[in-house]
């Protein structure tokens, strides 16, 4: 395994751990706490030299955005 593959695997592993924390957030308060801690460093990974890491971060960002949009939509129509 070359050093490039090791660096890519390490970045993917870190991004995957953040993804799992976001996915396992039991409620909005927990999600907000996780995002306050991990969102900025996660978005910085969009500048990664590895396409696979950038794609993974993009996917996670879309999931978080979709989750927040759906909750806002439900809140809006519940009023």
N, C-alpha and C. Protein backbone atom coordinates (compact mmCIF):
# COMPACT_ATOMS: atom_id res chain seq x y z
N UNK A 1 0.85 -1.18 0.00
CA UNK A 1 0.00 0.00 0.00
C UNK A 1 0.89 1.24 0.00
N UNK A 2 0.69 2.10 -0.94
CA UNK A 2 1.52 3.31 -1.02
C UNK A 2 1.02 4.36 -0.03
N UNK A 3 1.82 5.40 0.16
CA UNK A 3 1.43 6.46 1.10
C UNK A 3 0.21 7.22 0.62
N UNK A 4 0.01 7.32 -0.70
CA UNK A 4 -1.17 8.00 -1.24
C UNK A 4 -2.43 7.22 -0.91
N UNK A 5 -2.40 5.92 -1.07
CA UNK A 5 -3.55 5.09 -0.73
C UNK A 5 -3.83 5.15 0.76
N UNK A 6 -2.80 5.18 1.54
CA UNK A 6 -2.97 5.27 2.99
C UNK A 6 -3.63 6.59 3.38
N UNK A 7 -3.19 7.67 2.80
CA UNK A 7 -3.78 8.99 3.10
C UNK A 7 -5.24 9.04 2.67
N UNK A 8 -5.55 8.49 1.50
CA UNK A 8 -6.93 8.48 1.01
C UNK A 8 -7.80 7.62 1.92
N UNK A 9 -7.29 6.46 2.30
CA UNK A 9 -8.06 5.57 3.18
C UNK A 9 -8.29 6.24 4.54
N UNK A 10 -7.30 6.95 5.04
CA UNK A 10 -7.44 7.63 6.33
C UNK A 10 -8.50 8.72 6.24
N UNK A 11 -8.46 9.53 5.18
CA UNK A 11 -9.46 10.59 5.01
C UNK A 11 -10.86 10.00 4.87
N UNK A 12 -10.99 8.94 4.08
CA UNK A 12 -12.31 8.29 3.92
C UNK A 12 -12.81 7.73 5.24
N UNK A 13 -11.91 7.19 6.02
CA UNK A 13 -12.29 6.66 7.33
C UNK A 13 -12.81 7.76 8.24
N UNK A 14 -12.10 8.89 8.29
CA UNK A 14 -12.54 10.01 9.12
C UNK A 14 -13.89 10.56 8.68
N UNK A 15 -14.05 10.71 7.37
CA UNK A 15 -15.32 11.21 6.84
C UNK A 15 -16.44 10.20 7.14
N UNK A 16 -16.14 8.93 7.03
CA UNK A 16 -17.12 7.90 7.33
C UNK A 16 -17.55 7.92 8.79
N UNK A 17 -16.63 8.20 9.68
CA UNK A 17 -16.97 8.28 11.11
C UNK A 17 -17.92 9.45 11.37
N UNK A 18 -17.67 10.57 10.72
CA UNK A 18 -18.57 11.72 10.87
C UNK A 18 -19.94 11.39 10.29
N UNK A 19 -19.95 10.72 9.14
CA UNK A 19 -21.21 10.31 8.53
C UNK A 19 -22.01 9.43 9.47
N UNK A 20 -21.34 8.49 10.13
CA UNK A 20 -22.03 7.58 11.05
C UNK A 20 -22.58 8.35 12.25
N UNK A 21 -21.83 9.30 12.77
CA UNK A 21 -22.33 10.10 13.90
C UNK A 21 -23.58 10.86 13.50
N UNK A 22 -23.56 11.45 12.30
CA UNK A 22 -24.72 12.20 11.82
C UNK A 22 -25.91 11.27 11.64
N UNK A 23 -25.68 10.12 11.04
CA UNK A 23 -26.76 9.17 10.78
C UNK A 23 -27.37 8.63 12.07
N UNK A 24 -26.55 8.49 13.10
CA UNK A 24 -27.03 7.91 14.35
C UNK A 24 -27.56 8.93 15.35
N UNK A 25 -27.60 10.19 14.97
CA UNK A 25 -28.11 11.23 15.87
C UNK A 25 -29.58 10.92 16.19
N UNK A 26 -29.90 10.71 17.46
CA UNK A 26 -31.26 10.30 17.82
C UNK A 26 -32.29 11.42 17.76
N UNK A 27 -31.83 12.67 17.83
CA UNK A 27 -32.78 13.78 17.83
C UNK A 27 -32.11 15.03 17.27
N UNK A 28 -32.89 16.07 17.11
CA UNK A 28 -32.38 17.31 16.52
C UNK A 28 -31.30 17.95 17.38
N UNK A 29 -31.46 17.89 18.69
CA UNK A 29 -30.46 18.48 19.58
C UNK A 29 -29.11 17.80 19.39
N UNK A 30 -29.11 16.48 19.34
CA UNK A 30 -27.87 15.74 19.14
C UNK A 30 -27.27 16.04 17.77
N UNK A 31 -28.12 16.10 16.75
CA UNK A 31 -27.63 16.42 15.41
C UNK A 31 -26.99 17.80 15.38
N UNK A 32 -27.64 18.77 16.01
CA UNK A 32 -27.09 20.12 16.03
C UNK A 32 -25.73 20.14 16.73
N UNK A 33 -25.61 19.42 17.82
CA UNK A 33 -24.34 19.36 18.56
C UNK A 33 -23.24 18.73 17.69
N UNK A 34 -23.59 17.67 16.98
CA UNK A 34 -22.62 17.00 16.09
C UNK A 34 -22.21 17.94 14.96
N UNK A 35 -23.18 18.61 14.36
CA UNK A 35 -22.87 19.51 13.26
C UNK A 35 -22.05 20.71 13.72
N UNK A 36 -22.33 21.21 14.91
CA UNK A 36 -21.54 22.34 15.43
C UNK A 36 -20.07 21.96 15.57
N UNK A 37 -19.83 20.71 15.92
CA UNK A 37 -18.46 20.24 16.12
C UNK A 37 -17.78 19.83 14.82
N UNK A 38 -18.52 19.13 13.95
CA UNK A 38 -17.88 18.44 12.83
C UNK A 38 -18.16 19.02 11.44
N UNK A 39 -19.13 19.91 11.30
CA UNK A 39 -19.49 20.36 9.95
C UNK A 39 -18.37 21.16 9.27
N UNK A 40 -17.77 22.10 9.97
CA UNK A 40 -16.71 22.90 9.34
C UNK A 40 -15.52 22.04 8.91
N UNK A 41 -15.00 21.16 9.79
CA UNK A 41 -13.90 20.30 9.34
C UNK A 41 -14.31 19.37 8.19
N UNK A 42 -15.56 18.91 8.22
CA UNK A 42 -16.04 18.05 7.14
C UNK A 42 -16.06 18.81 5.82
N UNK A 43 -16.55 20.04 5.83
CA UNK A 43 -16.61 20.83 4.60
C UNK A 43 -15.21 21.18 4.08
N UNK A 44 -14.26 21.29 4.97
CA UNK A 44 -12.88 21.53 4.54
C UNK A 44 -12.35 20.35 3.71
N UNK A 45 -12.91 19.18 3.92
CA UNK A 45 -12.48 18.01 3.15
C UNK A 45 -12.92 18.11 1.68
N UNK A 46 -13.76 19.08 1.35
CA UNK A 46 -14.09 19.30 -0.05
C UNK A 46 -12.88 19.76 -0.86
N UNK A 47 -11.85 20.21 -0.16
CA UNK A 47 -10.60 20.62 -0.81
C UNK A 47 -9.60 19.47 -0.87
N UNK A 48 -10.03 18.27 -0.53
CA UNK A 48 -9.13 17.11 -0.55
C UNK A 48 -8.63 16.86 -1.96
N UNK A 49 -7.45 16.30 -2.04
CA UNK A 49 -6.89 15.94 -3.34
C UNK A 49 -7.53 14.68 -3.92
N UNK A 50 -8.31 13.99 -3.11
CA UNK A 50 -8.91 12.71 -3.53
C UNK A 50 -10.37 12.89 -3.92
N UNK A 51 -10.70 12.46 -5.10
CA UNK A 51 -12.08 12.58 -5.61
C UNK A 51 -13.05 11.79 -4.73
N UNK A 52 -12.64 10.63 -4.29
CA UNK A 52 -13.54 9.80 -3.48
C UNK A 52 -13.92 10.50 -2.18
N UNK A 53 -13.00 11.22 -1.59
CA UNK A 53 -13.28 11.95 -0.35
C UNK A 53 -14.22 13.11 -0.65
N UNK A 54 -13.95 13.85 -1.71
CA UNK A 54 -14.84 14.97 -2.08
C UNK A 54 -16.25 14.48 -2.38
N UNK A 55 -16.38 13.35 -3.07
CA UNK A 55 -17.71 12.80 -3.37
C UNK A 55 -18.44 12.38 -2.10
N UNK A 56 -17.73 11.79 -1.16
CA UNK A 56 -18.34 11.35 0.10
C UNK A 56 -18.83 12.55 0.90
N UNK A 57 -18.02 13.61 0.97
CA UNK A 57 -18.41 14.82 1.68
C UNK A 57 -19.62 15.46 1.01
N UNK A 58 -19.64 15.47 -0.29
CA UNK A 58 -20.77 16.03 -1.03
C UNK A 58 -22.05 15.26 -0.72
N UNK A 59 -21.94 13.96 -0.69
CA UNK A 59 -23.10 13.11 -0.36
C UNK A 59 -23.61 13.40 1.05
N UNK A 60 -22.71 13.48 2.01
CA UNK A 60 -23.10 13.75 3.40
C UNK A 60 -23.75 15.12 3.50
N UNK A 61 -23.20 16.11 2.83
CA UNK A 61 -23.77 17.46 2.85
C UNK A 61 -25.18 17.46 2.29
N UNK A 62 -25.41 16.72 1.22
CA UNK A 62 -26.76 16.63 0.64
C UNK A 62 -27.73 15.97 1.61
N UNK A 63 -27.30 14.94 2.30
CA UNK A 63 -28.17 14.26 3.26
C UNK A 63 -28.54 15.20 4.41
N UNK A 64 -27.56 15.93 4.92
CA UNK A 64 -27.84 16.87 6.02
C UNK A 64 -28.78 17.96 5.54
N UNK A 65 -28.53 18.50 4.34
CA UNK A 65 -29.39 19.54 3.80
C UNK A 65 -30.81 19.02 3.60
N UNK A 66 -30.94 17.83 3.01
CA UNK A 66 -32.27 17.26 2.79
C UNK A 66 -33.01 17.04 4.10
N UNK A 67 -32.30 16.58 5.11
CA UNK A 67 -32.92 16.34 6.41
C UNK A 67 -33.44 17.65 7.00
N UNK A 68 -32.66 18.72 6.90
CA UNK A 68 -33.09 20.00 7.46
C UNK A 68 -34.23 20.60 6.63
N UNK A 69 -34.21 20.44 5.32
CA UNK A 69 -35.27 20.98 4.47
C UNK A 69 -36.59 20.26 4.75
N UNK A 70 -36.55 18.96 4.89
CA UNK A 70 -37.76 18.20 5.18
C UNK A 70 -38.34 18.63 6.52
N UNK A 71 -37.52 18.80 7.54
CA UNK A 71 -38.02 19.23 8.84
C UNK A 71 -38.62 20.63 8.76
N UNK A 72 -37.99 21.53 8.01
CA UNK A 72 -38.53 22.88 7.86
C UNK A 72 -39.87 22.84 7.12
N UNK A 73 -39.96 21.98 6.10
CA UNK A 73 -41.19 21.84 5.33
C UNK A 73 -42.32 21.32 6.21
N UNK A 74 -42.03 20.33 7.02
CA UNK A 74 -43.03 19.77 7.92
C UNK A 74 -43.46 20.81 8.95
N UNK A 75 -42.51 21.54 9.51
CA UNK A 75 -42.80 22.57 10.49
C UNK A 75 -43.69 23.65 9.88
N UNK A 76 -43.37 24.07 8.66
CA UNK A 76 -44.13 25.11 7.97
C UNK A 76 -45.59 24.71 7.80
N UNK A 77 -45.81 23.48 7.35
CA UNK A 77 -47.19 23.04 7.08
C UNK A 77 -47.92 22.58 8.34
N UNK A 78 -47.21 22.37 9.41
CA UNK A 78 -47.86 21.97 10.67
C UNK A 78 -48.49 23.18 11.36
N UNK A 79 -48.07 24.37 10.97
CA UNK A 79 -48.59 25.58 11.63
C UNK A 79 -49.91 25.94 11.12
